[in-house]
Amino acid sequence: MTGNSPGTSYSYTLINPPILTTGSNRVVSLSEINNNGDILGTLNSPAPPGISSTSVPFLYHDGSYTALAVPGAALTTALHLDDAGRVVGSYQDGLGRHAYIYQGGAFTQFNAPNAQTTTLFQSTPSGKLLGAAFDSRGLHAFVDDNGQFTTLAVPGASSTYVTNSYQASSINDAGDVIGGYNDQTGTHAFLYHNGSYTTLAMPGASSTTATDINASGEVLGSYLVANGSSARTFLYNNGTYTDINYQEATGDIYGAQLNDTGRSPEPTAIRQEATSSCTKTAPINGSTRRTRRRPGPIQPTRACPT
């Protein structure tokens, strides 16, 4: 299938894995694509009331499909695909829940040292793993660098955590990590680099969140201004914060992703016109990607006059 726009030609591929081919209402969802064109997705097959539905993750590579189902597992979940074609996720069997690594056609169970349960969130092309482990001391974030295990614990924090997102990275190939921590003063964002922790706090903000990190260690995040509730986007690079602010916006501005050159295809600004009930999407630097808003009730809107 092909499609064209002025000066550009595209080809389209229908992703339809030959898995769970019986029954109706099969739903295919795609969660991630790497720089080699490999695709991570999930096939869901709804079932009648009272019967569990079936969900199977799959990997698409060069025209071939691989069902990601750990042998003997009742349920397998895929969480991340990196540029080396490695998939990390979890599976459930009669002994409990476990983390796995899939690469080169083989599944390998991964257990953090002395942990009762382990979860893997992300991996990097060189094999670094980011996850969380629960042991006798509680829940901890960690990095495993090809067998070298490091627990992430911000000094003085009551808890340190990392998050998983299909659309952003919390770890880069140098081993830099972004996340959050709680202490007696509240919740904060951090950058972990070369064994040291840096608290990320946008000047003048009431709260700061780190959302993406690139290969150079630049961090994309969001913050709330101290004198209001509107969200803004910032870029952090080696001690310097850059506010990414669309001047006409009176609502939230969010950035979704950051590439290795330090550019974000967003933010997209939400401008709520004061004189009407319309909502206008205002692109930044010519970007027209999707709009993101903080969770909340959906209000009926109409298009603003152009």
C-alpha atoms as a PDB file:
ATOM      1  CA  MET A   1       0.000   0.000   0.000  1.00  0.00           C
ATOM      2  CA  THR A   2       1.412   3.410  -0.892  1.00  0.00           C
ATOM      3  CA  GLY A   3       0.489   6.977  -0.192  1.00  0.00           C
ATOM      4  CA  ASN A   4       1.803  10.313  -1.412  1.00  0.00           C
ATOM      5  CA  SER A   5       1.865  13.923  -0.386  1.00  0.00           C
ATOM      6  CA  PRO A   6       3.590  16.768  -2.244  1.00  0.00           C
ATOM      7  CA  GLY A   7       7.295  15.947  -2.446  1.00  0.00           C
ATOM      8  CA  THR A   8       7.025  12.830  -0.286  1.00  0.00           C
ATOM      9  CA  SER A   9       6.274   9.177  -0.951  1.00  0.00           C
ATOM     10  CA  TYR A  10       5.306   6.644   1.713  1.00  0.00           C
ATOM     11  CA  SER A  11       4.687   2.922   1.764  1.00  0.00           C
ATOM     12  CA  TYR A  12       2.348   1.252   4.243  1.00  0.00           C
ATOM     13  CA  THR A  13       2.493  -2.231   5.692  1.00  0.00           C
ATOM     14  CA  LEU A  14      -0.501  -3.925   7.270  1.00  0.00           C
ATOM     15  CA  ILE A  15       0.539  -5.522  10.563  1.00  0.00           C
ATOM     16  CA  ASN A  16      -1.621  -8.626  10.961  1.00  0.00           C
ATOM     17  CA  PRO A  17       0.172 -11.412  12.864  1.00  0.00           C
ATOM     18  CA  PRO A  18      -0.934 -14.995  12.077  1.00  0.00           C
ATOM     19  CA  ILE A  19      -1.623 -15.620  15.772  1.00  0.00           C
ATOM     20  CA  LEU A  20      -5.002 -16.532  17.318  1.00  0.00           C
ATOM     21  CA  THR A  21      -6.501 -16.649  13.859  1.00  0.00           C
ATOM     22  CA  THR A  22      -9.766 -18.241  15.000  1.00  0.00           C
ATOM     23  CA  GLY A  23     -12.653 -16.205  16.328  1.00  0.00           C
ATOM     24  CA  SER A  24     -13.644 -12.639  15.599  1.00  0.00           C
ATOM     25  CA  ASN A  25     -12.848  -9.162  16.904  1.00  0.00           C
ATOM     26  CA  ARG A  26      -9.094  -9.680  16.968  1.00  0.00           C
ATOM     27  CA  VAL A  27      -7.425  -6.420  18.001  1.00  0.00           C
ATOM     28  CA  VAL A  28      -3.831  -5.635  17.069  1.00  0.00           C
ATOM     29  CA  SER A  29      -2.090  -2.799  18.917  1.00  0.00           C
ATOM     30  CA  LEU A  30       1.444  -1.544  18.255  1.00  0.00           C
ATOM     31  CA  SER A  31       3.432  -0.104  21.132  1.00  0.00           C
ATOM     32  CA  GLU A  32       6.969   0.517  19.922  1.00  0.00           C
ATOM     33  CA  ILE A  33       9.228   0.641  16.866  1.00  0.00           C
ATOM     34  CA  ASN A  34      13.023   0.752  16.991  1.00  0.00           C
ATOM     35  CA  ASN A  35      15.490   2.409  14.634  1.00  0.00           C
ATOM     36  CA  ASN A  36      15.818  -0.818  12.619  1.00  0.00           C
ATOM     37  CA  GLY A  37      12.106  -1.004  11.856  1.00  0.00           C
ATOM     38  CA  ASP A  38      11.354  -3.825  14.304  1.00  0.00           C
ATOM     39  CA  ILE A  39       7.918  -3.469  15.871  1.00  0.00           C
ATOM     40  CA  LEU A  40       6.609  -4.574  19.254  1.00  0.00           C
ATOM     41  CA  GLY A  41       2.887  -5.163  19.530  1.00  0.00           C
ATOM     42  CA  THR A  42       0.119  -7.124  21.191  1.00  0.00           C
ATOM     43  CA  LEU A  43      -2.704  -9.199  19.775  1.00  0.00           C
ATOM     44  CA  ASN A  44      -5.859  -9.322  21.872  1.00  0.00           C
ATOM     45  CA  SER A  45      -8.647 -11.795  21.291  1.00  0.00           C
ATOM     46  CA  PRO A  46     -11.769 -10.906  23.309  1.00  0.00           C
ATOM     47  CA  ALA A  47     -13.726 -13.760  24.859  1.00  0.00           C
ATOM     48  CA  PRO A  48     -17.371 -14.208  25.876  1.00  0.00           C
ATOM     49  CA  PRO A  49     -18.422 -13.150  29.405  1.00  0.00           C
ATOM     50  CA  GLY A  50     -17.022 -15.449  32.057  1.00  0.00           C
ATOM     51  CA  ILE A  51     -14.088 -16.568  29.934  1.00  0.00           C
ATOM     52  CA  SER A  52     -10.683 -14.928  30.088  1.00  0.00           C
ATOM     53  CA  SER A  53      -9.612 -13.091  26.968  1.00  0.00           C
ATOM     54  CA  THR A  54      -6.297 -13.940  25.328  1.00  0.00           C
ATOM     55  CA  SER A  55      -3.439 -11.475  24.947  1.00  0.00           C
ATOM     56  CA  VAL A  56      -0.221 -12.349  23.099  1.00  0.00           C
ATOM     57  CA  PRO A  57       2.676  -9.924  22.556  1.00  0.00           C
ATOM     58  CA  PHE A  58       4.575 -10.252  19.294  1.00  0.00           C
ATOM     59  CA  LEU A  59       7.672  -8.994  17.525  1.00  0.00           C
ATOM     60  CA  TYR A  60       7.605  -8.019  13.858  1.00  0.00           C
ATOM     61  CA  HIS A  61      10.940  -8.136  12.026  1.00  0.00           C
ATOM     62  CA  ASP A  62      11.577  -7.929   8.307  1.00  0.00           C
ATOM     63  CA  GLY A  63       8.193  -9.368   7.369  1.00  0.00           C
ATOM     64  CA  SER A  64       8.171 -12.137   9.996  1.00  0.00           C
ATOM     65  CA  TYR A  65       6.183 -12.414  13.215  1.00  0.00           C
ATOM     66  CA  THR A  66       7.310 -13.994  16.473  1.00  0.00           C
ATOM     67  CA  ALA A  67       4.828 -14.656  19.262  1.00  0.00           C
ATOM     68  CA  LEU A  68       6.426 -13.706  22.568  1.00  0.00           C
ATOM     69  CA  ALA A  69       5.124 -16.434  24.839  1.00  0.00           C
ATOM     70  CA  VAL A  70       7.485 -17.794  27.490  1.00  0.00           C
ATOM     71  CA  PRO A  71       7.213 -21.628  27.478  1.00  0.00           C
ATOM     72  CA  GLY A  72       5.054 -22.824  30.376  1.00  0.00           C
ATOM     73  CA  ALA A  73       3.824 -19.346  31.252  1.00  0.00           C
ATOM     74  CA  ALA A  74       0.152 -18.553  31.732  1.00  0.00           C
ATOM     75  CA  LEU A  75       0.693 -14.919  30.707  1.00  0.00           C
ATOM     76  CA  THR A  76       3.534 -13.066  28.991  1.00  0.00           C
ATOM     77  CA  THR A  77       3.802  -9.259  28.801  1.00  0.00           C
ATOM     78  CA  ALA A  78       6.287  -7.298  26.679  1.00  0.00           C
ATOM     79  CA  LEU A  79       7.325  -3.871  27.958  1.00  0.00           C
ATOM     80  CA  HIS A  80      10.183  -2.571  25.828  1.00  0.00           C
ATOM     81  CA  LEU A  81      12.068  -3.098  22.559  1.00  0.00           C
ATOM     82  CA  ASP A  82      15.551  -1.648  22.055  1.00  0.00           C
ATOM     83  CA  ASP A  83      17.660  -1.049  18.945  1.00  0.00           C
ATOM     84  CA  ALA A  84      19.493  -4.354  19.373  1.00  0.00           C
ATOM     85  CA  GLY A  85      16.175  -6.179  18.930  1.00  0.00           C
ATOM     86  CA  ARG A  86      16.078  -7.095  22.609  1.00  0.00           C
ATOM     87  CA  VAL A  87      12.683  -7.281  24.336  1.00  0.00           C
ATOM     88  CA  VAL A  88      12.181  -7.105  28.084  1.00  0.00           C
ATOM     89  CA  GLY A  89       8.988  -7.944  29.936  1.00  0.00           C
ATOM     90  CA  SER A  90       7.404 -10.224  32.493  1.00  0.00           C
ATOM     91  CA  TYR A  91       5.596 -13.537  32.663  1.00  0.00           C
ATOM     92  CA  GLN A  92       3.391 -15.400  35.118  1.00  0.00           C
ATOM     93  CA  ASP A  93       3.668 -19.104  35.916  1.00  0.00           C
ATOM     94  CA  GLY A  94       2.836 -21.422  38.807  1.00  0.00           C
ATOM     95  CA  LEU A  95       5.728 -20.049  40.856  1.00  0.00           C
ATOM     96  CA  GLY A  96       4.798 -16.381  40.503  1.00  0.00           C
ATOM     97  CA  ARG A  97       5.755 -13.422  38.365  1.00  0.00           C
ATOM     98  CA  HIS A  98       9.179 -13.144  36.736  1.00  0.00           C
ATOM     99  CA  ALA A  99      11.147 -10.819  34.462  1.00  0.00           C
ATOM    100  CA  TYR A 100      12.572 -12.002  31.148  1.00  0.00           C
ATOM    101  CA  ILE A 101      14.859 -10.913  28.328  1.00  0.00           C
ATOM    102  CA  TYR A 102      14.136 -12.064  24.777  1.00  0.00           C
ATOM    103  CA  GLN A 103      16.851 -11.892  22.145  1.00  0.00           C
ATOM    104  CA  GLY A 104      17.903 -14.034  19.228  1.00  0.00           C
ATOM    105  CA  GLY A 105      14.947 -16.369  19.591  1.00  0.00           C
ATOM    106  CA  ALA A 106      15.584 -17.252  23.237  1.00  0.00           C
ATOM    107  CA  PHE A 107      13.994 -16.250  26.545  1.00  0.00           C
ATOM    108  CA  THR A 108      16.198 -15.687  29.586  1.00  0.00           C
ATOM    109  CA  GLN A 109      14.750 -15.234  33.057  1.00  0.00           C
ATOM    110  CA  PHE A 110      16.245 -12.295  34.924  1.00  0.00           C
ATOM    111  CA  ASN A 111      16.323 -12.055  38.712  1.00  0.00           C
ATOM    112  CA  ALA A 112      17.739  -9.158  40.686  1.00  0.00           C
ATOM    113  CA  PRO A 113      20.053 -10.321  43.515  1.00  0.00           C
ATOM    114  CA  ASN A 114      18.131 -11.437  46.637  1.00  0.00           C
ATOM    115  CA  ALA A 115      14.847 -10.197  45.181  1.00  0.00           C
ATOM    116  CA  GLN A 116      11.470 -11.806  45.707  1.00  0.00           C
ATOM    117  CA  THR A 117      10.129 -10.236  42.510  1.00  0.00           C
ATOM    118  CA  THR A 118      11.825  -8.394  39.647  1.00  0.00           C
ATOM    119  CA  THR A 119      10.407  -6.121  36.943  1.00  0.00           C
ATOM    120  CA  LEU A 120      12.319  -4.924  33.885  1.00  0.00           C
ATOM    121  CA  PHE A 121      11.188  -1.629  32.364  1.00  0.00           C
ATOM    122  CA  GLN A 122      13.713  -0.779  29.660  1.00  0.00           C
ATOM    123  CA  SER A 123      16.963  -1.910  28.048  1.00  0.00           C
ATOM    124  CA  THR A 124      19.629  -0.249  25.917  1.00  0.00           C
ATOM    125  CA  PRO A 125      21.423  -1.523  22.806  1.00  0.00           C
ATOM    126  CA  SER A 126      24.560  -2.318  24.834  1.00  0.00           C
ATOM    127  CA  GLY A 127      22.554  -4.456  27.261  1.00  0.00           C
ATOM    128  CA  LYS A 128      21.972  -2.146  30.223  1.00  0.00           C
ATOM    129  CA  LEU A 129      18.738  -2.978  32.059  1.00  0.00           C
ATOM    130  CA  LEU A 130      16.508  -0.653  34.071  1.00  0.00           C
ATOM    131  CA  GLY A 131      13.995  -2.132  36.483  1.00  0.00           C
ATOM    132  CA  ALA A 132      12.644  -2.508  39.985  1.00  0.00           C
ATOM    133  CA  ALA A 133      13.098  -5.261  42.557  1.00  0.00           C
ATOM    134  CA  PHE A 134      11.196  -6.121  45.710  1.00  0.00           C
ATOM    135  CA  ASP A 135      13.152  -7.680  48.570  1.00  0.00           C
ATOM    136  CA  SER A 136      13.122  -7.757  52.381  1.00  0.00           C
ATOM    137  CA  ARG A 137      13.892  -4.017  52.453  1.00  0.00           C
ATOM    138  CA  GLY A 138      11.098  -3.018  50.108  1.00  0.00           C
ATOM    139  CA  LEU A 139      10.890  -1.884  46.493  1.00  0.00           C
ATOM    140  CA  HIS A 140      14.023  -0.529  44.807  1.00  0.00           C
ATOM    141  CA  ALA A 141      14.935   0.759  41.362  1.00  0.00           C
ATOM    142  CA  PHE A 142      18.091  -0.640  39.791  1.00  0.00           C
ATOM    143  CA  VAL A 143      20.399  -0.678  36.802  1.00  0.00           C
ATOM    144  CA  ASP A 144      22.103  -3.854  35.623  1.00  0.00           C
ATOM    145  CA  ASP A 145      25.065  -3.258  33.312  1.00  0.00           C
ATOM    146  CA  ASN A 146      25.784  -6.708  31.894  1.00  0.00           C
ATOM    147  CA  GLY A 147      25.983  -8.254  35.343  1.00  0.00           C
ATOM    148  CA  GLN A 148      27.123  -5.197  37.302  1.00  0.00           C
ATOM    149  CA  PHE A 149      24.148  -4.447  39.559  1.00  0.00           C
ATOM    150  CA  THR A 150      23.493  -0.965  40.992  1.00  0.00           C
ATOM    151  CA  THR A 151      20.604  -0.063  43.299  1.00  0.00           C
ATOM    152  CA  LEU A 152      19.293   3.448  42.674  1.00  0.00           C
ATOM    153  CA  ALA A 153      18.805   5.284  45.960  1.00  0.00           C
ATOM    154  CA  VAL A 154      18.935   9.072  46.200  1.00  0.00           C
ATOM    155  CA  PRO A 155      20.710   9.993  49.477  1.00  0.00           C
ATOM    156  CA  GLY A 156      18.218  11.081  52.135  1.00  0.00           C
ATOM    157  CA  ALA A 157      15.194   9.914  50.129  1.00  0.00           C
ATOM    158  CA  SER A 158      12.472   7.748  51.614  1.00  0.00           C
ATOM    159  CA  SER A 159      11.903   6.175  48.175  1.00  0.00           C
ATOM    160  CA  THR A 160      13.511   6.325  44.731  1.00  0.00           C
ATOM    161  CA  TYR A 161      11.653   5.239  41.620  1.00  0.00           C
ATOM    162  CA  VAL A 162      11.802   5.100  37.837  1.00  0.00           C
ATOM    163  CA  THR A 163       8.948   4.881  35.371  1.00  0.00           C
ATOM    164  CA  ASN A 164       8.326   3.041  32.128  1.00  0.00           C
ATOM    165  CA  SER A 165       7.016   4.622  28.949  1.00  0.00           C
ATOM    166  CA  TYR A 166       6.739   3.301  25.413  1.00  0.00           C
ATOM    167  CA  GLN A 167       7.264   6.818  24.080  1.00  0.00           C
ATOM    168  CA  ALA A 168      10.269   7.958  26.091  1.00  0.00           C
ATOM    169  CA  SER A 169      13.510   6.700  27.607  1.00  0.00           C
ATOM    170  CA  SER A 170      14.416   6.653  31.293  1.00  0.00           C
ATOM    171  CA  ILE A 171      17.924   5.276  30.621  1.00  0.00           C
ATOM    172  CA  ASN A 172      20.454   5.878  27.860  1.00  0.00           C
ATOM    173  CA  ASP A 173      23.303   3.741  26.608  1.00  0.00           C
ATOM    174  CA  ALA A 174      25.800   5.584  28.821  1.00  0.00           C
ATOM    175  CA  GLY A 175      23.836   4.431  31.875  1.00  0.00           C
ATOM    176  CA  ASP A 176      22.346   7.828  32.729  1.00  0.00           C
ATOM    177  CA  VAL A 177      18.948   7.433  34.399  1.00  0.00           C
ATOM    178  CA  ILE A 178      16.078   9.808  35.149  1.00  0.00           C
ATOM    179  CA  GLY A 179      13.376   9.224  37.748  1.00  0.00           C
ATOM    180  CA  GLY A 180      11.842  10.601  40.894  1.00  0.00           C
ATOM    181  CA  TYR A 181      12.223  10.413  44.646  1.00  0.00           C
ATOM    182  CA  ASN A 182      10.337  11.324  47.800  1.00  0.00           C
ATOM    183  CA  ASP A 183      11.741  12.948  50.924  1.00  0.00           C
ATOM    184  CA  GLN A 184      10.393  14.995  53.809  1.00  0.00           C
ATOM    185  CA  THR A 185       9.996  18.052  51.569  1.00  0.00           C
ATOM    186  CA  GLY A 186       7.986  16.344  48.829  1.00  0.00           C
ATOM    187  CA  THR A 187       8.472  14.700  45.430  1.00  0.00           C
ATOM    188  CA  HIS A 188      11.406  15.553  43.171  1.00  0.00           C
ATOM    189  CA  ALA A 189      12.989  14.567  39.865  1.00  0.00           C
ATOM    190  CA  PHE A 190      16.552  13.312  39.573  1.00  0.00           C
ATOM    191  CA  LEU A 191      19.286  12.567  37.056  1.00  0.00           C
ATOM    192  CA  TYR A 192      21.721   9.754  37.835  1.00  0.00           C
ATOM    193  CA  HIS A 193      25.087  10.149  36.071  1.00  0.00           C
ATOM    194  CA  ASN A 194      28.410   8.444  36.770  1.00  0.00           C
ATOM    195  CA  GLY A 195      27.339   7.361  40.253  1.00  0.00           C
ATOM    196  CA  SER A 196      26.039  10.791  41.323  1.00  0.00           C
ATOM    197  CA  TYR A 197      22.506  12.127  41.703  1.00  0.00           C
ATOM    198  CA  THR A 198      21.402  15.598  40.584  1.00  0.00           C
ATOM    199  CA  THR A 199      18.025  16.936  41.670  1.00  0.00           C
ATOM    200  CA  LEU A 200      16.225  18.464  38.690  1.00  0.00           C
ATOM    201  CA  ALA A 201      14.272  21.547  39.728  1.00  0.00           C
ATOM    202  CA  MET A 202      13.222  24.091  37.140  1.00  0.00           C
ATOM    203  CA  PRO A 203      13.806  27.568  38.672  1.00  0.00           C
ATOM    204  CA  GLY A 204      10.548  29.085  39.883  1.00  0.00           C
ATOM    205  CA  ALA A 205       8.613  25.814  39.568  1.00  0.00           C
ATOM    206  CA  SER A 206       6.456  24.295  42.279  1.00  0.00           C
ATOM    207  CA  SER A 207       7.160  20.777  40.941  1.00  0.00           C
ATOM    208  CA  THR A 208       9.398  19.234  38.268  1.00  0.00           C
ATOM    209  CA  THR A 209       9.122  15.898  36.430  1.00  0.00           C
ATOM    210  CA  ALA A 210      11.729  14.294  34.150  1.00  0.00           C
ATOM    211  CA  THR A 211      10.167  12.448  31.202  1.00  0.00           C
ATOM    212  CA  ASP A 212      12.855  11.588  28.616  1.00  0.00           C
ATOM    213  CA  ILE A 213      16.638  11.382  28.273  1.00  0.00           C
ATOM    214  CA  ASN A 214      18.696  11.150  25.092  1.00  0.00           C
ATOM    215  CA  ALA A 215      22.087   9.668  24.270  1.00  0.00           C
ATOM    216  CA  SER A 216      23.851  12.925  25.186  1.00  0.00           C
ATOM    217  CA  GLY A 217      22.313  13.049  28.649  1.00  0.00           C
ATOM    218  CA  GLU A 218      19.950  15.906  27.861  1.00  0.00           C
ATOM    219  CA  VAL A 219      16.677  15.658  29.781  1.00  0.00           C
ATOM    220  CA  LEU A 220      13.193  16.641  28.694  1.00  0.00           C
ATOM    221  CA  GLY A 221      10.628  17.258  31.393  1.00  0.00           C
ATOM    222  CA  SER A 222       7.624  19.183  32.565  1.00  0.00           C
ATOM    223  CA  TYR A 223       6.998  21.521  35.467  1.00  0.00           C
ATOM    224  CA  LEU A 224       4.234  23.431  37.165  1.00  0.00           C
ATOM    225  CA  VAL A 225       4.681  27.136  37.654  1.00  0.00           C
ATOM    226  CA  ALA A 226       4.687  28.257  41.263  1.00  0.00           C
ATOM    227  CA  ASN A 227       1.872  30.786  40.815  1.00  0.00           C
ATOM    228  CA  GLY A 228      -0.547  28.574  38.883  1.00  0.00           C
ATOM    229  CA  SER A 229      -1.405  25.092  37.671  1.00  0.00           C
ATOM    230  CA  SER A 230      -0.403  25.311  33.999  1.00  0.00           C
ATOM    231  CA  ALA A 231       2.201  22.781  32.888  1.00  0.00           C
ATOM    232  CA  ARG A 232       5.257  23.806  30.898  1.00  0.00           C
ATOM    233  CA  THR A 233       8.094  21.933  29.215  1.00  0.00           C
ATOM    234  CA  PHE A 234      11.822  22.322  29.817  1.00  0.00           C
ATOM    235  CA  LEU A 235      15.105  20.999  28.466  1.00  0.00           C
ATOM    236  CA  TYR A 236      17.975  20.340  30.882  1.00  0.00           C
ATOM    237  CA  ASN A 237      21.543  20.152  29.609  1.00  0.00           C
ATOM    238  CA  ASN A 238      24.615  20.092  31.853  1.00  0.00           C
ATOM    239  CA  GLY A 239      23.207  22.344  34.558  1.00  0.00           C
ATOM    240  CA  THR A 240      21.237  24.663  32.279  1.00  0.00           C
ATOM    241  CA  TYR A 241      17.448  24.743  32.080  1.00  0.00           C
ATOM    242  CA  THR A 242      15.745  25.978  28.928  1.00  0.00           C
ATOM    243  CA  ASP A 243      12.064  26.825  29.121  1.00  0.00           C
ATOM    244  CA  ILE A 244      10.141  25.643  26.058  1.00  0.00           C
ATOM    245  CA  ASN A 245       7.284  28.100  26.123  1.00  0.00           C
ATOM    246  CA  TYR A 246       4.763  28.990  23.456  1.00  0.00           C
ATOM    247  CA  GLN A 247       3.928  32.621  24.039  1.00  0.00           C
ATOM    248  CA  GLU A 248       0.228  32.453  23.075  1.00  0.00           C
ATOM    249  CA  ALA A 249      -0.537  29.485  25.298  1.00  0.00           C
ATOM    250  CA  THR A 250      -2.606  30.017  28.420  1.00  0.00           C
ATOM    251  CA  GLY A 251      -3.014  26.328  29.208  1.00  0.00           C
ATOM    252  CA  ASP A 252      -0.742  23.306  29.360  1.00  0.00           C
ATOM    253  CA  ILE A 253       2.360  22.755  27.219  1.00  0.00           C
ATOM    254  CA  TYR A 254       3.787  19.237  27.071  1.00  0.00           C
ATOM    255  CA  GLY A 255       6.795  17.747  25.300  1.00  0.00           C
ATOM    256  CA  ALA A 256       6.585  14.046  24.504  1.00  0.00           C
ATOM    257  CA  GLN A 257       9.958  12.959  23.155  1.00  0.00           C
ATOM    258  CA  LEU A 258      13.521  14.123  22.743  1.00  0.00           C
ATOM    259  CA  ASN A 259      15.917  12.999  20.012  1.00  0.00           C
ATOM    260  CA  ASP A 260      19.692  12.696  20.211  1.00  0.00           C
ATOM    261  CA  THR A 261      20.239  16.174  18.744  1.00  0.00           C
ATOM    262  CA  GLY A 262      18.327  17.775  21.607  1.00  0.00           C
ATOM    263  CA  ARG A 263      15.190  18.521  19.583  1.00  0.00           C
ATOM    264  CA  SER A 264      11.656  17.742  20.682  1.00  0.00           C
ATOM    265  CA  PRO A 265       8.916  17.320  18.031  1.00  0.00           C
ATOM    266  CA  GLU A 266       6.592  18.772  20.591  1.00  0.00           C
ATOM    267  CA  PRO A 267       5.496  20.570  22.718  1.00  0.00           C
ATOM    268  CA  THR A 268       2.038  21.250  21.465  1.00  0.00           C
ATOM    269  CA  ALA A 269       0.269  24.068  23.214  1.00  0.00           C
ATOM    270  CA  ILE A 270      -3.341  24.138  24.296  1.00  0.00           C
ATOM    271  CA  ARG A 271      -4.841  27.591  24.020  1.00  0.00           C
ATOM    272  CA  GLN A 272      -8.260  28.047  25.557  1.00  0.00           C
ATOM    273  CA  GLU A 273      -9.847  31.139  24.045  1.00  0.00           C
ATOM    274  CA  ALA A 274     -11.092  33.490  26.755  1.00  0.00           C
ATOM    275  CA  THR A 275     -14.062  34.639  24.712  1.00  0.00           C
ATOM    276  CA  SER A 276     -15.412  31.264  23.609  1.00  0.00           C
ATOM    277  CA  SER A 277     -15.559  27.571  24.500  1.00  0.00           C
ATOM    278  CA  CYS A 278     -13.256  26.498  21.701  1.00  0.00           C
ATOM    279  CA  THR A 279      -9.916  24.768  22.028  1.00  0.00           C
ATOM    280  CA  LYS A 280      -7.093  25.554  19.633  1.00  0.00           C
ATOM    281  CA  THR A 281      -4.033  23.435  18.980  1.00  0.00           C
ATOM    282  CA  ALA A 282      -1.012  25.633  18.333  1.00  0.00           C
ATOM    283  CA  PRO A 283       2.057  23.941  16.828  1.00  0.00           C
ATOM    284  CA  ILE A 284       5.542  24.816  18.024  1.00  0.00           C
ATOM    285  CA  ASN A 285       8.159  25.456  15.313  1.00  0.00           C
ATOM    286  CA  GLY A 286       5.885  23.981  12.673  1.00  0.00           C
ATOM    287  CA  SER A 287       5.221  20.750  14.580  1.00  0.00           C
ATOM    288  CA  THR A 288       1.684  19.433  14.290  1.00  0.00           C
ATOM    289  CA  ARG A 289       1.890  16.305  16.381  1.00  0.00           C
ATOM    290  CA  ARG A 290      -0.731  15.109  18.809  1.00  0.00           C
ATOM    291  CA  THR A 291      -1.910  17.182  21.731  1.00  0.00           C
ATOM    292  CA  ARG A 292      -1.304  16.013  25.292  1.00  0.00           C
ATOM    293  CA  ARG A 293      -3.190  17.223  28.336  1.00  0.00           C
ATOM    294  CA  ARG A 294      -3.023  16.270  31.957  1.00  0.00           C
ATOM    295  CA  PRO A 295      -5.691  13.761  33.070  1.00  0.00           C
ATOM    296  CA  GLY A 296      -9.021  15.280  33.882  1.00  0.00           C
ATOM    297  CA  PRO A 297     -12.652  15.404  32.797  1.00  0.00           C
ATOM    298  CA  ILE A 298     -13.132  15.736  29.057  1.00  0.00           C
ATOM    299  CA  GLN A 299     -15.034  18.894  28.188  1.00  0.00           C
ATOM    300  CA  PRO A 300     -16.993  19.323  24.960  1.00  0.00           C
ATOM    301  CA  THR A 301     -15.129  21.664  22.637  1.00  0.00           C
ATOM    302  CA  ARG A 302     -15.464  23.138  19.187  1.00  0.00           C
ATOM    303  CA  ALA A 303     -12.823  24.245  16.724  1.00  0.00           C
ATOM    304  CA  CYS A 304     -11.583  27.813  17.101  1.00  0.00           C
ATOM    305  CA  PRO A 305     -12.011  30.134  14.115  1.00  0.00           C
ATOM    306  CA  THR A 306      -8.872  30.281  12.017  1.00  0.00           C
END
